[in-house]
Amino acid sequence: MGARLRHIAIGSEDPKGMGLFYAEALGLELLVNNDKLSVLTDGVMNIVLVRGELFEPAAVRRPGHVGFHHMGFKVDSRDEVEARLAGLGAEKVLEDEPAEGEPAPEAGFEVKWLSPDGLIFDLSETGWPTAPEPR
């Protein structure tokens, strides 16, 4: 099976307020909502609203950024997909690699990549703690 799109991350100056807005306006379920981060879902896809200075790692941080930041994909085999990405000219964001022995698989670790045209995306084999399996 190919990669499954699971979230779109958007920079916001007011994640909490915008999370409430989208939940009320569109009937999305609000999974996380605070001054730094809001996560909304329709049961399959998530929208992640985050303050731009909090994007990690530093290689993809965009202070003050409002708008599209990155998209996240759940994959069956990170090694297999990463080999294809490297062969196609994508660049791994090395600052995003975990320290030895981290993190636990249930932490939903992801690794960021830059496409040849500079768009940011991440990969995870386990999914994200705030992303329920599709209904």
N, C-alpha and C. Protein backbone atom coordinates (compact mmCIF):
# COMPACT_ATOMS: atom_id res chain seq x y z
N MET A 1 0.85 -1.18 0.00
CA MET A 1 0.00 0.00 0.00
C MET A 1 0.89 1.24 0.00
N GLY A 2 0.46 2.26 -0.70
CA GLY A 2 1.21 3.50 -0.75
C GLY A 2 1.03 4.32 0.52
N ALA A 3 1.70 5.46 0.55
CA ALA A 3 1.60 6.36 1.70
C ALA A 3 0.17 6.89 1.83
N ARG A 4 -0.26 7.11 3.06
CA ARG A 4 -1.58 7.67 3.32
C ARG A 4 -1.43 9.05 3.95
N LEU A 5 -1.99 10.05 3.29
CA LEU A 5 -1.95 11.41 3.82
C LEU A 5 -2.76 11.44 5.10
N ARG A 6 -2.17 11.97 6.20
CA ARG A 6 -2.85 11.97 7.49
C ARG A 6 -2.99 13.35 8.11
N HIS A 7 -2.10 14.30 7.78
CA HIS A 7 -2.29 15.63 8.34
C HIS A 7 -1.69 16.70 7.45
N ILE A 8 -2.24 17.87 7.58
CA ILE A 8 -1.71 19.09 6.97
C ILE A 8 -1.40 20.02 8.14
N ALA A 9 -0.17 20.53 8.21
CA ALA A 9 0.23 21.46 9.28
C ALA A 9 0.22 22.88 8.73
N ILE A 10 -0.40 23.76 9.48
CA ILE A 10 -0.58 25.15 9.06
C ILE A 10 -0.09 26.06 10.17
N GLY A 11 0.76 27.01 9.81
CA GLY A 11 1.20 28.01 10.78
C GLY A 11 0.06 28.95 11.11
N SER A 12 -0.04 29.32 12.39
CA SER A 12 -1.11 30.22 12.83
C SER A 12 -0.59 31.08 13.98
N GLU A 13 -0.98 32.34 14.00
CA GLU A 13 -0.63 33.21 15.13
C GLU A 13 -1.53 32.96 16.33
N ASP A 14 -2.67 32.29 16.10
CA ASP A 14 -3.64 32.02 17.18
C ASP A 14 -4.19 30.60 17.03
N PRO A 15 -3.37 29.57 17.26
CA PRO A 15 -3.85 28.20 17.09
C PRO A 15 -5.10 27.88 17.91
N LYS A 16 -5.15 28.36 19.15
CA LYS A 16 -6.29 28.05 20.01
C LYS A 16 -7.58 28.65 19.44
N GLY A 17 -7.53 29.92 19.10
CA GLY A 17 -8.72 30.58 18.55
C GLY A 17 -9.14 30.00 17.21
N MET A 18 -8.17 29.72 16.35
CA MET A 18 -8.49 29.17 15.04
C MET A 18 -8.99 27.73 15.17
N GLY A 19 -8.47 26.98 16.16
CA GLY A 19 -8.97 25.63 16.39
C GLY A 19 -10.44 25.66 16.75
N LEU A 20 -10.81 26.58 17.65
CA LEU A 20 -12.22 26.73 18.02
C LEU A 20 -13.06 27.15 16.82
N PHE A 21 -12.51 28.05 16.01
CA PHE A 21 -13.22 28.50 14.81
C PHE A 21 -13.55 27.33 13.88
N TYR A 22 -12.53 26.54 13.51
CA TYR A 22 -12.76 25.44 12.57
C TYR A 22 -13.65 24.35 13.17
N ALA A 23 -13.52 24.10 14.48
CA ALA A 23 -14.38 23.10 15.12
C ALA A 23 -15.84 23.54 15.04
N GLU A 24 -16.10 24.80 15.37
CA GLU A 24 -17.48 25.28 15.36
C GLU A 24 -18.01 25.45 13.94
N ALA A 25 -17.21 26.03 13.06
CA ALA A 25 -17.66 26.32 11.70
C ALA A 25 -17.88 25.07 10.87
N LEU A 26 -17.00 24.08 11.04
CA LEU A 26 -17.05 22.92 10.16
C LEU A 26 -17.42 21.61 10.86
N GLY A 27 -17.60 21.67 12.17
CA GLY A 27 -17.98 20.46 12.90
C GLY A 27 -16.85 19.46 13.05
N LEU A 28 -15.60 19.92 12.97
CA LEU A 28 -14.47 19.02 13.16
C LEU A 28 -14.28 18.73 14.64
N GLU A 29 -13.74 17.55 14.95
CA GLU A 29 -13.47 17.21 16.34
C GLU A 29 -12.15 17.84 16.76
N LEU A 30 -12.16 18.54 17.87
CA LEU A 30 -10.98 19.21 18.39
C LEU A 30 -10.27 18.26 19.36
N LEU A 31 -9.11 17.75 18.96
CA LEU A 31 -8.38 16.76 19.75
C LEU A 31 -7.41 17.41 20.73
N VAL A 32 -6.77 18.50 20.33
CA VAL A 32 -5.83 19.26 21.15
C VAL A 32 -6.13 20.72 20.90
N ASN A 33 -6.14 21.54 21.96
CA ASN A 33 -6.38 22.97 21.75
C ASN A 33 -5.73 23.78 22.86
N ASN A 34 -4.62 24.44 22.52
CA ASN A 34 -3.98 25.34 23.47
C ASN A 34 -3.33 26.48 22.71
N ASP A 35 -2.63 27.35 23.41
CA ASP A 35 -2.06 28.54 22.77
C ASP A 35 -0.96 28.22 21.76
N LYS A 36 -0.40 27.03 21.81
CA LYS A 36 0.70 26.66 20.92
C LYS A 36 0.27 25.75 19.78
N LEU A 37 -0.80 24.96 20.02
CA LEU A 37 -1.13 23.89 19.07
C LEU A 37 -2.60 23.54 19.14
N SER A 38 -3.22 23.36 17.98
CA SER A 38 -4.57 22.80 17.90
C SER A 38 -4.53 21.68 16.86
N VAL A 39 -5.21 20.58 17.17
CA VAL A 39 -5.31 19.46 16.24
C VAL A 39 -6.79 19.16 16.08
N LEU A 40 -7.24 19.20 14.83
CA LEU A 40 -8.64 18.91 14.52
C LEU A 40 -8.69 17.72 13.58
N THR A 41 -9.78 16.94 13.63
CA THR A 41 -9.90 15.80 12.74
C THR A 41 -11.32 15.67 12.21
N ASP A 42 -11.42 15.07 11.05
CA ASP A 42 -12.71 14.68 10.50
C ASP A 42 -12.89 13.17 10.66
N GLY A 43 -11.95 12.52 11.34
CA GLY A 43 -11.98 11.08 11.53
C GLY A 43 -11.00 10.34 10.64
N VAL A 44 -10.49 11.01 9.61
CA VAL A 44 -9.49 10.42 8.72
C VAL A 44 -8.28 11.35 8.65
N MET A 45 -8.52 12.59 8.28
CA MET A 45 -7.46 13.58 8.11
C MET A 45 -7.44 14.53 9.30
N ASN A 46 -6.25 15.02 9.61
CA ASN A 46 -6.09 16.01 10.67
C ASN A 46 -5.60 17.32 10.08
N ILE A 47 -6.01 18.41 10.71
CA ILE A 47 -5.43 19.73 10.47
C ILE A 47 -4.69 20.07 11.77
N VAL A 48 -3.42 20.42 11.64
CA VAL A 48 -2.61 20.79 12.79
C VAL A 48 -2.30 22.28 12.65
N LEU A 49 -2.76 23.07 13.61
CA LEU A 49 -2.49 24.50 13.63
C LEU A 49 -1.43 24.75 14.69
N VAL A 50 -0.34 25.38 14.30
CA VAL A 50 0.77 25.55 15.23
C VAL A 50 1.44 26.90 15.01
N ARG A 51 1.91 27.49 16.10
CA ARG A 51 2.67 28.74 15.99
C ARG A 51 3.96 28.46 15.22
N GLY A 52 4.28 29.29 14.25
CA GLY A 52 5.40 29.06 13.35
C GLY A 52 6.74 28.85 14.00
N GLU A 53 6.99 29.53 15.15
CA GLU A 53 8.29 29.38 15.80
C GLU A 53 8.43 28.03 16.49
N LEU A 54 7.34 27.27 16.60
CA LEU A 54 7.39 25.98 17.29
C LEU A 54 7.63 24.81 16.35
N PHE A 55 7.59 25.05 15.04
CA PHE A 55 7.87 23.95 14.12
C PHE A 55 9.27 23.43 14.40
N GLU A 56 9.41 22.13 14.45
CA GLU A 56 10.71 21.50 14.67
C GLU A 56 11.02 20.62 13.49
N PRO A 57 12.25 20.38 13.19
CA PRO A 57 13.46 20.93 13.79
C PRO A 57 13.75 22.32 13.27
N ALA A 58 14.85 22.88 13.73
CA ALA A 58 15.22 24.25 13.35
C ALA A 58 15.33 24.41 11.84
N ALA A 59 15.68 23.35 11.13
CA ALA A 59 15.86 23.44 9.68
C ALA A 59 14.57 23.78 8.95
N VAL A 60 13.42 23.56 9.60
CA VAL A 60 12.15 23.87 8.94
C VAL A 60 11.29 24.82 9.78
N ARG A 61 11.89 25.45 10.78
CA ARG A 61 11.17 26.40 11.63
C ARG A 61 10.92 27.67 10.84
N ARG A 62 9.75 28.25 10.99
CA ARG A 62 9.40 29.47 10.28
C ARG A 62 8.67 30.42 11.23
N PRO A 63 9.42 31.18 12.05
CA PRO A 63 8.77 32.11 12.99
C PRO A 63 7.83 33.07 12.27
N GLY A 64 6.65 33.28 12.85
CA GLY A 64 5.69 34.20 12.28
C GLY A 64 4.97 33.69 11.04
N HIS A 65 5.25 32.46 10.64
CA HIS A 65 4.64 31.92 9.42
C HIS A 65 3.16 31.63 9.63
N VAL A 66 2.35 32.09 8.71
CA VAL A 66 0.93 31.77 8.69
C VAL A 66 0.64 31.13 7.33
N GLY A 67 0.04 29.96 7.34
CA GLY A 67 -0.29 29.26 6.10
C GLY A 67 0.32 27.88 6.08
N PHE A 68 0.24 27.24 4.92
CA PHE A 68 0.72 25.87 4.77
C PHE A 68 2.17 25.74 5.22
N HIS A 69 2.47 24.71 5.99
CA HIS A 69 3.84 24.43 6.41
C HIS A 69 4.29 23.08 5.89
N HIS A 70 3.58 22.00 6.24
CA HIS A 70 3.97 20.68 5.76
C HIS A 70 2.78 19.74 5.78
N MET A 71 2.98 18.57 5.15
CA MET A 71 1.98 17.52 5.19
C MET A 71 2.63 16.26 5.73
N GLY A 72 1.84 15.42 6.36
CA GLY A 72 2.37 14.21 6.98
C GLY A 72 1.77 12.96 6.38
N PHE A 73 2.62 11.97 6.14
CA PHE A 73 2.19 10.71 5.55
C PHE A 73 2.50 9.55 6.47
N LYS A 74 1.57 8.62 6.59
CA LYS A 74 1.80 7.36 7.28
C LYS A 74 2.22 6.36 6.22
N VAL A 75 3.34 5.66 6.47
CA VAL A 75 3.87 4.71 5.51
C VAL A 75 4.05 3.34 6.17
N ASP A 76 4.08 2.30 5.35
CA ASP A 76 4.28 0.95 5.88
C ASP A 76 5.74 0.70 6.23
N SER A 77 6.66 1.22 5.42
CA SER A 77 8.09 1.01 5.66
C SER A 77 8.85 2.31 5.40
N ARG A 78 9.29 2.94 6.47
CA ARG A 78 10.04 4.19 6.33
C ARG A 78 11.32 3.95 5.54
N ASP A 79 12.02 2.86 5.82
CA ASP A 79 13.27 2.57 5.11
C ASP A 79 13.05 2.49 3.60
N GLU A 80 12.00 1.80 3.20
CA GLU A 80 11.71 1.64 1.77
C GLU A 80 11.39 2.98 1.12
N VAL A 81 10.54 3.76 1.76
CA VAL A 81 10.16 5.06 1.20
C VAL A 81 11.35 6.02 1.19
N GLU A 82 12.14 6.02 2.27
CA GLU A 82 13.29 6.92 2.32
C GLU A 82 14.32 6.59 1.24
N ALA A 83 14.49 5.32 0.92
CA ALA A 83 15.41 4.95 -0.16
C ALA A 83 14.93 5.54 -1.49
N ARG A 84 13.62 5.45 -1.73
CA ARG A 84 13.08 6.04 -2.97
C ARG A 84 13.25 7.56 -2.97
N LEU A 85 12.96 8.19 -1.83
CA LEU A 85 13.08 9.64 -1.74
C LEU A 85 14.49 10.11 -2.05
N ALA A 86 15.47 9.46 -1.45
CA ALA A 86 16.87 9.85 -1.68
C ALA A 86 17.22 9.71 -3.16
N GLY A 87 16.73 8.64 -3.78
CA GLY A 87 17.00 8.42 -5.20
C GLY A 87 16.33 9.43 -6.11
N LEU A 88 15.28 10.07 -5.61
CA LEU A 88 14.55 11.05 -6.41
C LEU A 88 14.95 12.49 -6.10
N GLY A 89 15.98 12.68 -5.28
CA GLY A 89 16.50 14.01 -5.03
C GLY A 89 15.91 14.74 -3.84
N ALA A 90 15.13 14.05 -2.99
CA ALA A 90 14.62 14.69 -1.78
C ALA A 90 15.74 14.77 -0.76
N GLU A 91 15.62 15.69 0.19
CA GLU A 91 16.65 15.90 1.20
C GLU A 91 16.09 15.64 2.59
N LYS A 92 16.70 14.73 3.32
CA LYS A 92 16.28 14.43 4.68
C LYS A 92 16.73 15.56 5.60
N VAL A 93 15.86 15.97 6.51
CA VAL A 93 16.21 16.99 7.49
C VAL A 93 16.88 16.26 8.64
N LEU A 94 18.20 16.23 8.63
CA LEU A 94 18.96 15.42 9.57
C LEU A 94 18.74 15.81 11.02
N GLU A 95 18.45 17.08 11.29
CA GLU A 95 18.20 17.52 12.66
C GLU A 95 16.98 16.85 13.27
N ASP A 96 16.18 16.19 12.43
CA ASP A 96 14.94 15.58 12.90
C ASP A 96 15.13 14.13 13.34
N GLU A 97 16.32 13.58 13.19
CA GLU A 97 16.55 12.19 13.59
C GLU A 97 16.55 12.07 15.11
N PRO A 98 15.98 10.98 15.65
CA PRO A 98 15.93 10.83 17.11
C PRO A 98 17.30 10.48 17.68
N ALA A 99 17.49 10.82 18.95
CA ALA A 99 18.70 10.40 19.66
C ALA A 99 18.67 8.90 19.81
N GLU A 100 19.82 8.29 20.03
CA GLU A 100 19.91 6.84 20.20
C GLU A 100 18.91 6.36 21.24
N GLY A 101 18.11 5.37 20.86
CA GLY A 101 17.14 4.80 21.78
C GLY A 101 15.86 5.58 21.94
N GLU A 102 15.68 6.67 21.21
CA GLU A 102 14.46 7.47 21.29
C GLU A 102 13.79 7.48 19.94
N PRO A 103 12.58 7.80 19.86
CA PRO A 103 11.58 7.74 20.92
C PRO A 103 10.93 6.38 20.93
N ALA A 104 10.07 6.14 21.87
CA ALA A 104 9.32 4.89 21.91
C ALA A 104 8.40 4.85 20.70
N PRO A 105 8.17 3.67 20.13
CA PRO A 105 7.32 3.59 18.94
C PRO A 105 5.95 4.24 19.11
N GLU A 106 5.39 4.18 20.31
CA GLU A 106 4.07 4.77 20.50
C GLU A 106 4.09 6.28 20.51
N ALA A 107 5.27 6.89 20.47
CA ALA A 107 5.37 8.34 20.48
C ALA A 107 5.01 8.95 19.13
N GLY A 108 4.86 8.14 18.08
CA GLY A 108 4.48 8.66 16.78
C GLY A 108 5.60 9.43 16.12
N PHE A 109 6.84 8.98 16.28
CA PHE A 109 7.97 9.71 15.72
C PHE A 109 7.82 9.86 14.21
N GLU A 110 8.21 10.99 13.75
CA GLU A 110 8.20 11.29 12.32
C GLU A 110 9.54 11.87 11.93
N VAL A 111 9.84 11.80 10.65
CA VAL A 111 11.06 12.40 10.13
C VAL A 111 10.67 13.35 9.00
N LYS A 112 11.26 14.53 8.98
CA LYS A 112 10.93 15.53 7.97
C LYS A 112 11.86 15.40 6.76
N TRP A 113 11.30 15.67 5.60
CA TRP A 113 12.02 15.68 4.33
C TRP A 113 11.67 16.96 3.58
N LEU A 114 12.56 17.37 2.68
CA LEU A 114 12.30 18.48 1.77
C LEU A 114 12.25 17.90 0.36
N SER A 115 11.16 18.19 -0.36
CA SER A 115 11.06 17.74 -1.75
C SER A 115 12.07 18.54 -2.59
N PRO A 116 12.34 18.10 -3.82
CA PRO A 116 13.29 18.85 -4.65
C PRO A 116 12.90 20.32 -4.84
N ASP A 117 11.61 20.64 -4.74
CA ASP A 117 11.20 22.05 -4.88
C ASP A 117 11.05 22.76 -3.54
N GLY A 118 11.44 22.08 -2.44
CA GLY A 118 11.49 22.73 -1.14
C GLY A 118 10.28 22.57 -0.25
N LEU A 119 9.25 21.82 -0.67
CA LEU A 119 8.10 21.60 0.20
C LEU A 119 8.49 20.61 1.31
N ILE A 120 7.93 20.83 2.49
CA ILE A 120 8.25 20.01 3.66
C ILE A 120 7.17 18.94 3.82
N PHE A 121 7.60 17.72 4.12
CA PHE A 121 6.66 16.65 4.46
C PHE A 121 7.32 15.73 5.46
N ASP A 122 6.51 15.00 6.19
CA ASP A 122 7.07 14.05 7.14
C ASP A 122 6.46 12.68 6.96
N LEU A 123 7.19 11.69 7.49
CA LEU A 123 6.80 10.28 7.39
C LEU A 123 6.74 9.67 8.77
N SER A 124 5.80 8.77 8.97
CA SER A 124 5.72 8.01 10.21
C SER A 124 5.20 6.61 9.89
N GLU A 125 5.78 5.62 10.52
CA GLU A 125 5.26 4.25 10.39
C GLU A 125 4.14 4.00 11.39
N THR A 126 4.17 4.70 12.51
CA THR A 126 3.23 4.40 13.59
C THR A 126 2.05 5.35 13.64
N GLY A 127 2.10 6.44 12.90
CA GLY A 127 1.05 7.44 13.01
C GLY A 127 1.38 8.40 14.14
N TRP A 128 0.42 9.19 14.55
CA TRP A 128 0.63 10.22 15.54
C TRP A 128 -0.33 10.01 16.70
N PRO A 129 0.11 10.33 17.92
CA PRO A 129 -0.77 10.13 19.07
C PRO A 129 -2.10 10.89 18.95
N THR A 130 -2.10 11.98 18.23
CA THR A 130 -3.32 12.77 18.09
C THR A 130 -4.11 12.41 16.83
N ALA A 131 -3.70 11.37 16.14
CA ALA A 131 -4.37 10.99 14.90
C ALA A 131 -5.00 9.61 15.06
N PRO A 132 -6.31 9.57 15.30
CA PRO A 132 -6.96 8.26 15.42
C PRO A 132 -6.92 7.52 14.10
N GLU A 133 -6.98 6.21 14.16
CA GLU A 133 -7.08 5.44 12.92
C GLU A 133 -8.37 5.84 12.23
N PRO A 134 -8.36 5.87 10.87
CA PRO A 134 -9.57 6.28 10.14
C PRO A 134 -10.77 5.43 10.55
N ARG A 135 -11.92 6.08 10.61
CA ARG A 135 -13.17 5.40 10.95
C ARG A 135 -13.70 4.66 9.74
